[in-house]
N, C-alpha and C. Protein backbone atom coordinates (compact mmCIF):
# COMPACT_ATOMS: atom_id res chain seq x y z
N MET A 1 1.00 -1.28 -0.06
CA MET A 1 -0.14 0.04 0.07
C MET A 1 0.96 1.58 -0.29
N THR A 2 0.64 2.33 -1.01
CA THR A 2 1.02 3.25 -0.89
C THR A 2 0.52 4.72 -0.80
N ILE A 3 0.70 5.19 0.31
CA ILE A 3 -0.23 6.89 0.52
C ILE A 3 0.38 7.98 -0.63
N ILE A 4 -0.54 8.52 -1.24
CA ILE A 4 -0.42 9.40 -2.02
C ILE A 4 -0.80 10.60 -1.41
N ASP A 5 0.00 11.67 -1.56
CA ASP A 5 -0.39 13.44 -1.40
C ASP A 5 -1.43 14.17 -2.20
N ILE A 6 -2.15 14.50 -2.09
CA ILE A 6 -3.20 15.52 -3.21
C ILE A 6 -3.62 16.70 -3.00
N LYS A 7 -2.55 17.39 -3.73
CA LYS A 7 -2.31 18.62 -3.35
C LYS A 7 -2.99 19.82 -4.15
N THR A 8 -2.99 20.74 -4.02
CA THR A 8 -4.17 21.71 -4.96
C THR A 8 -2.74 22.45 -5.70
N GLU A 9 -3.70 22.75 -7.05
CA GLU A 9 -2.62 23.89 -7.94
C GLU A 9 -2.67 24.74 -7.80
N ILE A 10 -4.10 25.89 -6.89
CA ILE A 10 -4.11 27.03 -6.61
C ILE A 10 -4.48 27.28 -5.48
N THR A 11 -4.47 28.69 -5.15
CA THR A 11 -5.25 29.25 -3.88
C THR A 11 -6.73 29.64 -4.25
N GLY A 12 -7.35 29.16 -3.08
CA GLY A 12 -8.81 29.03 -3.13
C GLY A 12 -9.59 28.29 -2.45
N ASN A 13 -10.54 28.59 -2.29
CA ASN A 13 -11.56 27.94 -0.82
C ASN A 13 -11.94 26.39 -0.88
N ILE A 14 -12.11 25.77 -0.27
CA ILE A 14 -12.40 24.63 -0.92
C ILE A 14 -14.13 24.52 -0.62
N TRP A 15 -14.72 24.27 -2.02
CA TRP A 15 -16.41 24.55 -2.13
C TRP A 15 -17.44 23.74 -1.78
N LYS A 16 -16.88 22.50 -2.24
CA LYS A 16 -17.63 21.23 -2.51
C LYS A 16 -16.76 20.35 -1.75
N ILE A 17 -17.19 19.39 -1.21
CA ILE A 17 -16.28 17.66 -0.74
C ILE A 17 -17.13 16.67 -1.90
N GLU A 18 -16.41 16.18 -2.69
CA GLU A 18 -17.39 15.01 -3.61
C GLU A 18 -17.05 13.56 -3.04
N ALA A 19 -16.10 13.61 -2.41
CA ALA A 19 -15.72 12.40 -2.23
C ALA A 19 -15.65 11.99 -0.34
N LYS A 20 -15.73 10.90 0.09
CA LYS A 20 -15.41 10.46 1.40
C LYS A 20 -14.29 9.42 1.64
N PRO A 21 -13.71 9.39 3.01
CA PRO A 21 -12.49 8.42 3.28
C PRO A 21 -13.39 6.88 3.02
N GLY A 22 -12.43 6.15 1.92
CA GLY A 22 -13.14 4.89 2.09
C GLY A 22 -13.62 4.50 0.67
N ASP A 23 -14.46 5.52 -0.20
CA ASP A 23 -14.59 5.50 -1.69
C ASP A 23 -13.40 5.00 -2.29
N ARG A 24 -13.58 4.34 -3.42
CA ARG A 24 -12.99 4.14 -4.32
C ARG A 24 -13.05 5.29 -5.25
N ILE A 25 -11.55 5.44 -6.00
CA ILE A 25 -11.66 6.77 -6.85
C ILE A 25 -10.99 6.52 -8.15
N ASP A 26 -11.31 6.71 -9.44
CA ASP A 26 -10.78 6.43 -10.60
C ASP A 26 -9.59 7.80 -10.66
N GLU A 27 -8.83 7.07 -11.38
CA GLU A 27 -7.97 8.50 -11.80
C GLU A 27 -8.61 9.54 -12.48
N GLY A 28 -8.04 11.07 -11.73
CA GLY A 28 -8.84 11.91 -12.75
C GLY A 28 -9.83 11.95 -12.17
N GLU A 29 -10.66 11.31 -11.26
CA GLU A 29 -11.77 11.53 -10.18
C GLU A 29 -12.00 12.65 -9.45
N ALA A 30 -12.68 14.14 -9.50
CA ALA A 30 -12.49 15.18 -8.29
C ALA A 30 -12.99 14.48 -7.07
N ILE A 31 -12.27 14.98 -6.54
CA ILE A 31 -12.04 14.59 -4.85
C ILE A 31 -13.09 15.87 -4.05
N MET A 32 -12.79 16.83 -4.51
CA MET A 32 -13.35 18.33 -4.01
C MET A 32 -12.73 19.38 -5.22
N ILE A 33 -13.85 20.25 -4.86
CA ILE A 33 -13.93 21.35 -6.26
C ILE A 33 -13.79 22.67 -4.79
N LEU A 34 -12.88 23.68 -5.57
CA LEU A 34 -12.14 24.64 -5.11
C LEU A 34 -12.90 26.02 -5.71
N GLU A 35 -13.43 26.98 -4.93
CA GLU A 35 -13.89 27.87 -5.80
C GLU A 35 -12.38 29.18 -5.99
N SER A 36 -12.43 29.76 -6.61
CA SER A 36 -11.27 30.96 -6.36
C SER A 36 -11.61 31.87 -7.86
N MET A 37 -11.22 33.15 -7.78
CA MET A 37 -12.10 34.31 -8.28
C MET A 37 -12.90 34.09 -9.00
N LYS A 38 -14.15 33.27 -7.96
CA LYS A 38 -15.40 32.84 -9.03
C LYS A 38 -15.84 31.59 -10.21
N MET A 39 -14.12 30.75 -9.92
CA MET A 39 -14.15 29.96 -10.95
C MET A 39 -14.40 28.59 -10.12
N GLU A 40 -14.99 27.58 -10.52
CA GLU A 40 -14.80 26.27 -10.00
C GLU A 40 -14.05 25.44 -10.35
N ILE A 41 -12.40 24.49 -9.87
CA ILE A 41 -11.76 24.10 -10.38
C ILE A 41 -11.43 23.29 -9.40
N PRO A 42 -12.01 21.34 -9.88
CA PRO A 42 -11.46 20.45 -9.25
C PRO A 42 -10.08 19.97 -8.69
N VAL A 43 -10.27 19.47 -7.57
CA VAL A 43 -8.80 18.67 -7.08
C VAL A 43 -9.11 17.16 -7.45
N SER A 44 -8.23 16.56 -8.31
CA SER A 44 -8.55 15.59 -8.66
C SER A 44 -7.70 14.28 -8.80
N ALA A 45 -7.95 12.90 -8.43
CA ALA A 45 -7.12 12.13 -8.02
C ALA A 45 -5.95 11.71 -8.83
N PRO A 46 -4.87 12.03 -8.78
CA PRO A 46 -3.33 11.55 -9.54
C PRO A 46 -3.48 10.23 -10.17
N GLU A 47 -4.18 9.22 -9.72
CA GLU A 47 -4.24 7.51 -9.98
C GLU A 47 -5.26 6.93 -9.22
N PRO A 48 -5.88 5.95 -9.66
CA PRO A 48 -7.37 5.45 -8.91
C PRO A 48 -6.34 5.18 -7.56
N GLY A 49 -7.04 4.54 -6.64
CA GLY A 49 -6.93 3.95 -5.06
C GLY A 49 -8.41 4.49 -4.21
N VAL A 50 -8.15 4.29 -2.96
CA VAL A 50 -9.13 3.89 -1.89
C VAL A 50 -8.91 5.60 -1.16
N LEU A 51 -9.88 6.68 -0.92
CA LEU A 51 -9.56 7.97 -0.20
C LEU A 51 -8.99 7.42 1.23
N HIS A 52 -8.18 7.74 1.67
CA HIS A 52 -7.74 7.71 2.85
C HIS A 52 -8.09 8.62 4.12
N GLU A 53 -7.57 9.84 3.48
CA GLU A 53 -8.21 10.93 4.50
C GLU A 53 -8.37 12.18 4.05
N ILE A 54 -9.31 13.02 4.25
CA ILE A 54 -9.42 14.60 4.23
C ILE A 54 -9.05 15.04 4.66
N LEU A 55 -8.28 16.12 4.66
CA LEU A 55 -7.91 16.83 5.85
C LEU A 55 -7.82 18.51 5.79
N PHE A 56 -9.09 19.19 5.30
CA PHE A 56 -9.52 20.30 5.35
C PHE A 56 -11.43 20.15 5.08
N GLU A 57 -12.03 21.20 5.85
CA GLU A 57 -13.40 20.82 5.64
C GLU A 57 -13.92 22.04 4.60
N GLU A 58 -15.14 21.55 4.19
CA GLU A 58 -16.05 22.73 3.07
C GLU A 58 -15.06 24.01 3.79
N GLY A 59 -15.30 25.04 3.43
CA GLY A 59 -14.99 26.67 3.35
C GLY A 59 -13.33 27.26 4.03
N ALA A 60 -12.81 26.05 3.79
CA ALA A 60 -11.51 26.14 3.96
C ALA A 60 -10.90 26.94 3.08
N THR A 61 -9.56 27.70 3.26
CA THR A 61 -8.80 28.70 2.48
C THR A 61 -7.80 27.63 2.41
N VAL A 62 -7.29 27.13 1.47
CA VAL A 62 -5.91 26.65 1.24
C VAL A 62 -5.24 27.39 0.41
N THR A 63 -4.06 27.51 0.21
CA THR A 63 -2.65 28.10 -0.77
C THR A 63 -2.24 26.82 -1.66
N GLU A 64 -1.46 27.33 -2.71
CA GLU A 64 -1.01 26.25 -3.86
C GLU A 64 -0.26 25.31 -3.12
N GLY A 65 -0.38 24.06 -3.39
CA GLY A 65 0.92 23.19 -3.13
C GLY A 65 0.42 22.75 -1.93
N THR A 66 -0.75 22.83 -1.08
CA THR A 66 -1.37 22.33 -0.17
C THR A 66 -1.86 20.58 0.05
N VAL A 67 -1.52 19.96 0.96
CA VAL A 67 -1.80 18.65 0.55
C VAL A 67 -2.97 18.66 1.30
N VAL A 68 -4.41 18.25 0.51
CA VAL A 68 -5.42 17.92 1.07
C VAL A 68 -6.24 17.01 1.05
N ALA A 69 -5.49 16.26 0.65
CA ALA A 69 -6.32 14.74 0.76
C ALA A 69 -5.11 13.55 0.88
N ARG A 70 -5.21 12.36 0.67
CA ARG A 70 -4.38 11.56 0.69
C ARG A 70 -5.47 10.06 0.50
N LEU A 71 -4.52 9.77 -0.56
CA LEU A 71 -5.05 8.27 -1.44
C LEU A 71 -4.19 6.93 -1.55
N GLU A 72 -4.80 5.82 -0.90
CA GLU A 72 -4.41 4.93 -0.97
C GLU A 72 -4.05 3.88 -2.15
N ALA A 73 -3.18 3.98 -3.03
CA ALA A 73 -3.20 3.24 -4.15
C ALA A 73 -2.76 2.01 -3.92
């Protein structure tokens, strides 16, 4: 089992969480949606696996490069 950090590519607010720990996630599937400058940007899984944990709640502000979730691959 390998744990993969899922990081944001932009600074923004976590608008909506799309998955929960234990969910099987496909490569490219959105785990959460960030809102930045009135745009909605998905944070997606880099590869398939099981969502291990989400580190922030909806409404939290995160900066570019922040680890927001972990995936078991």
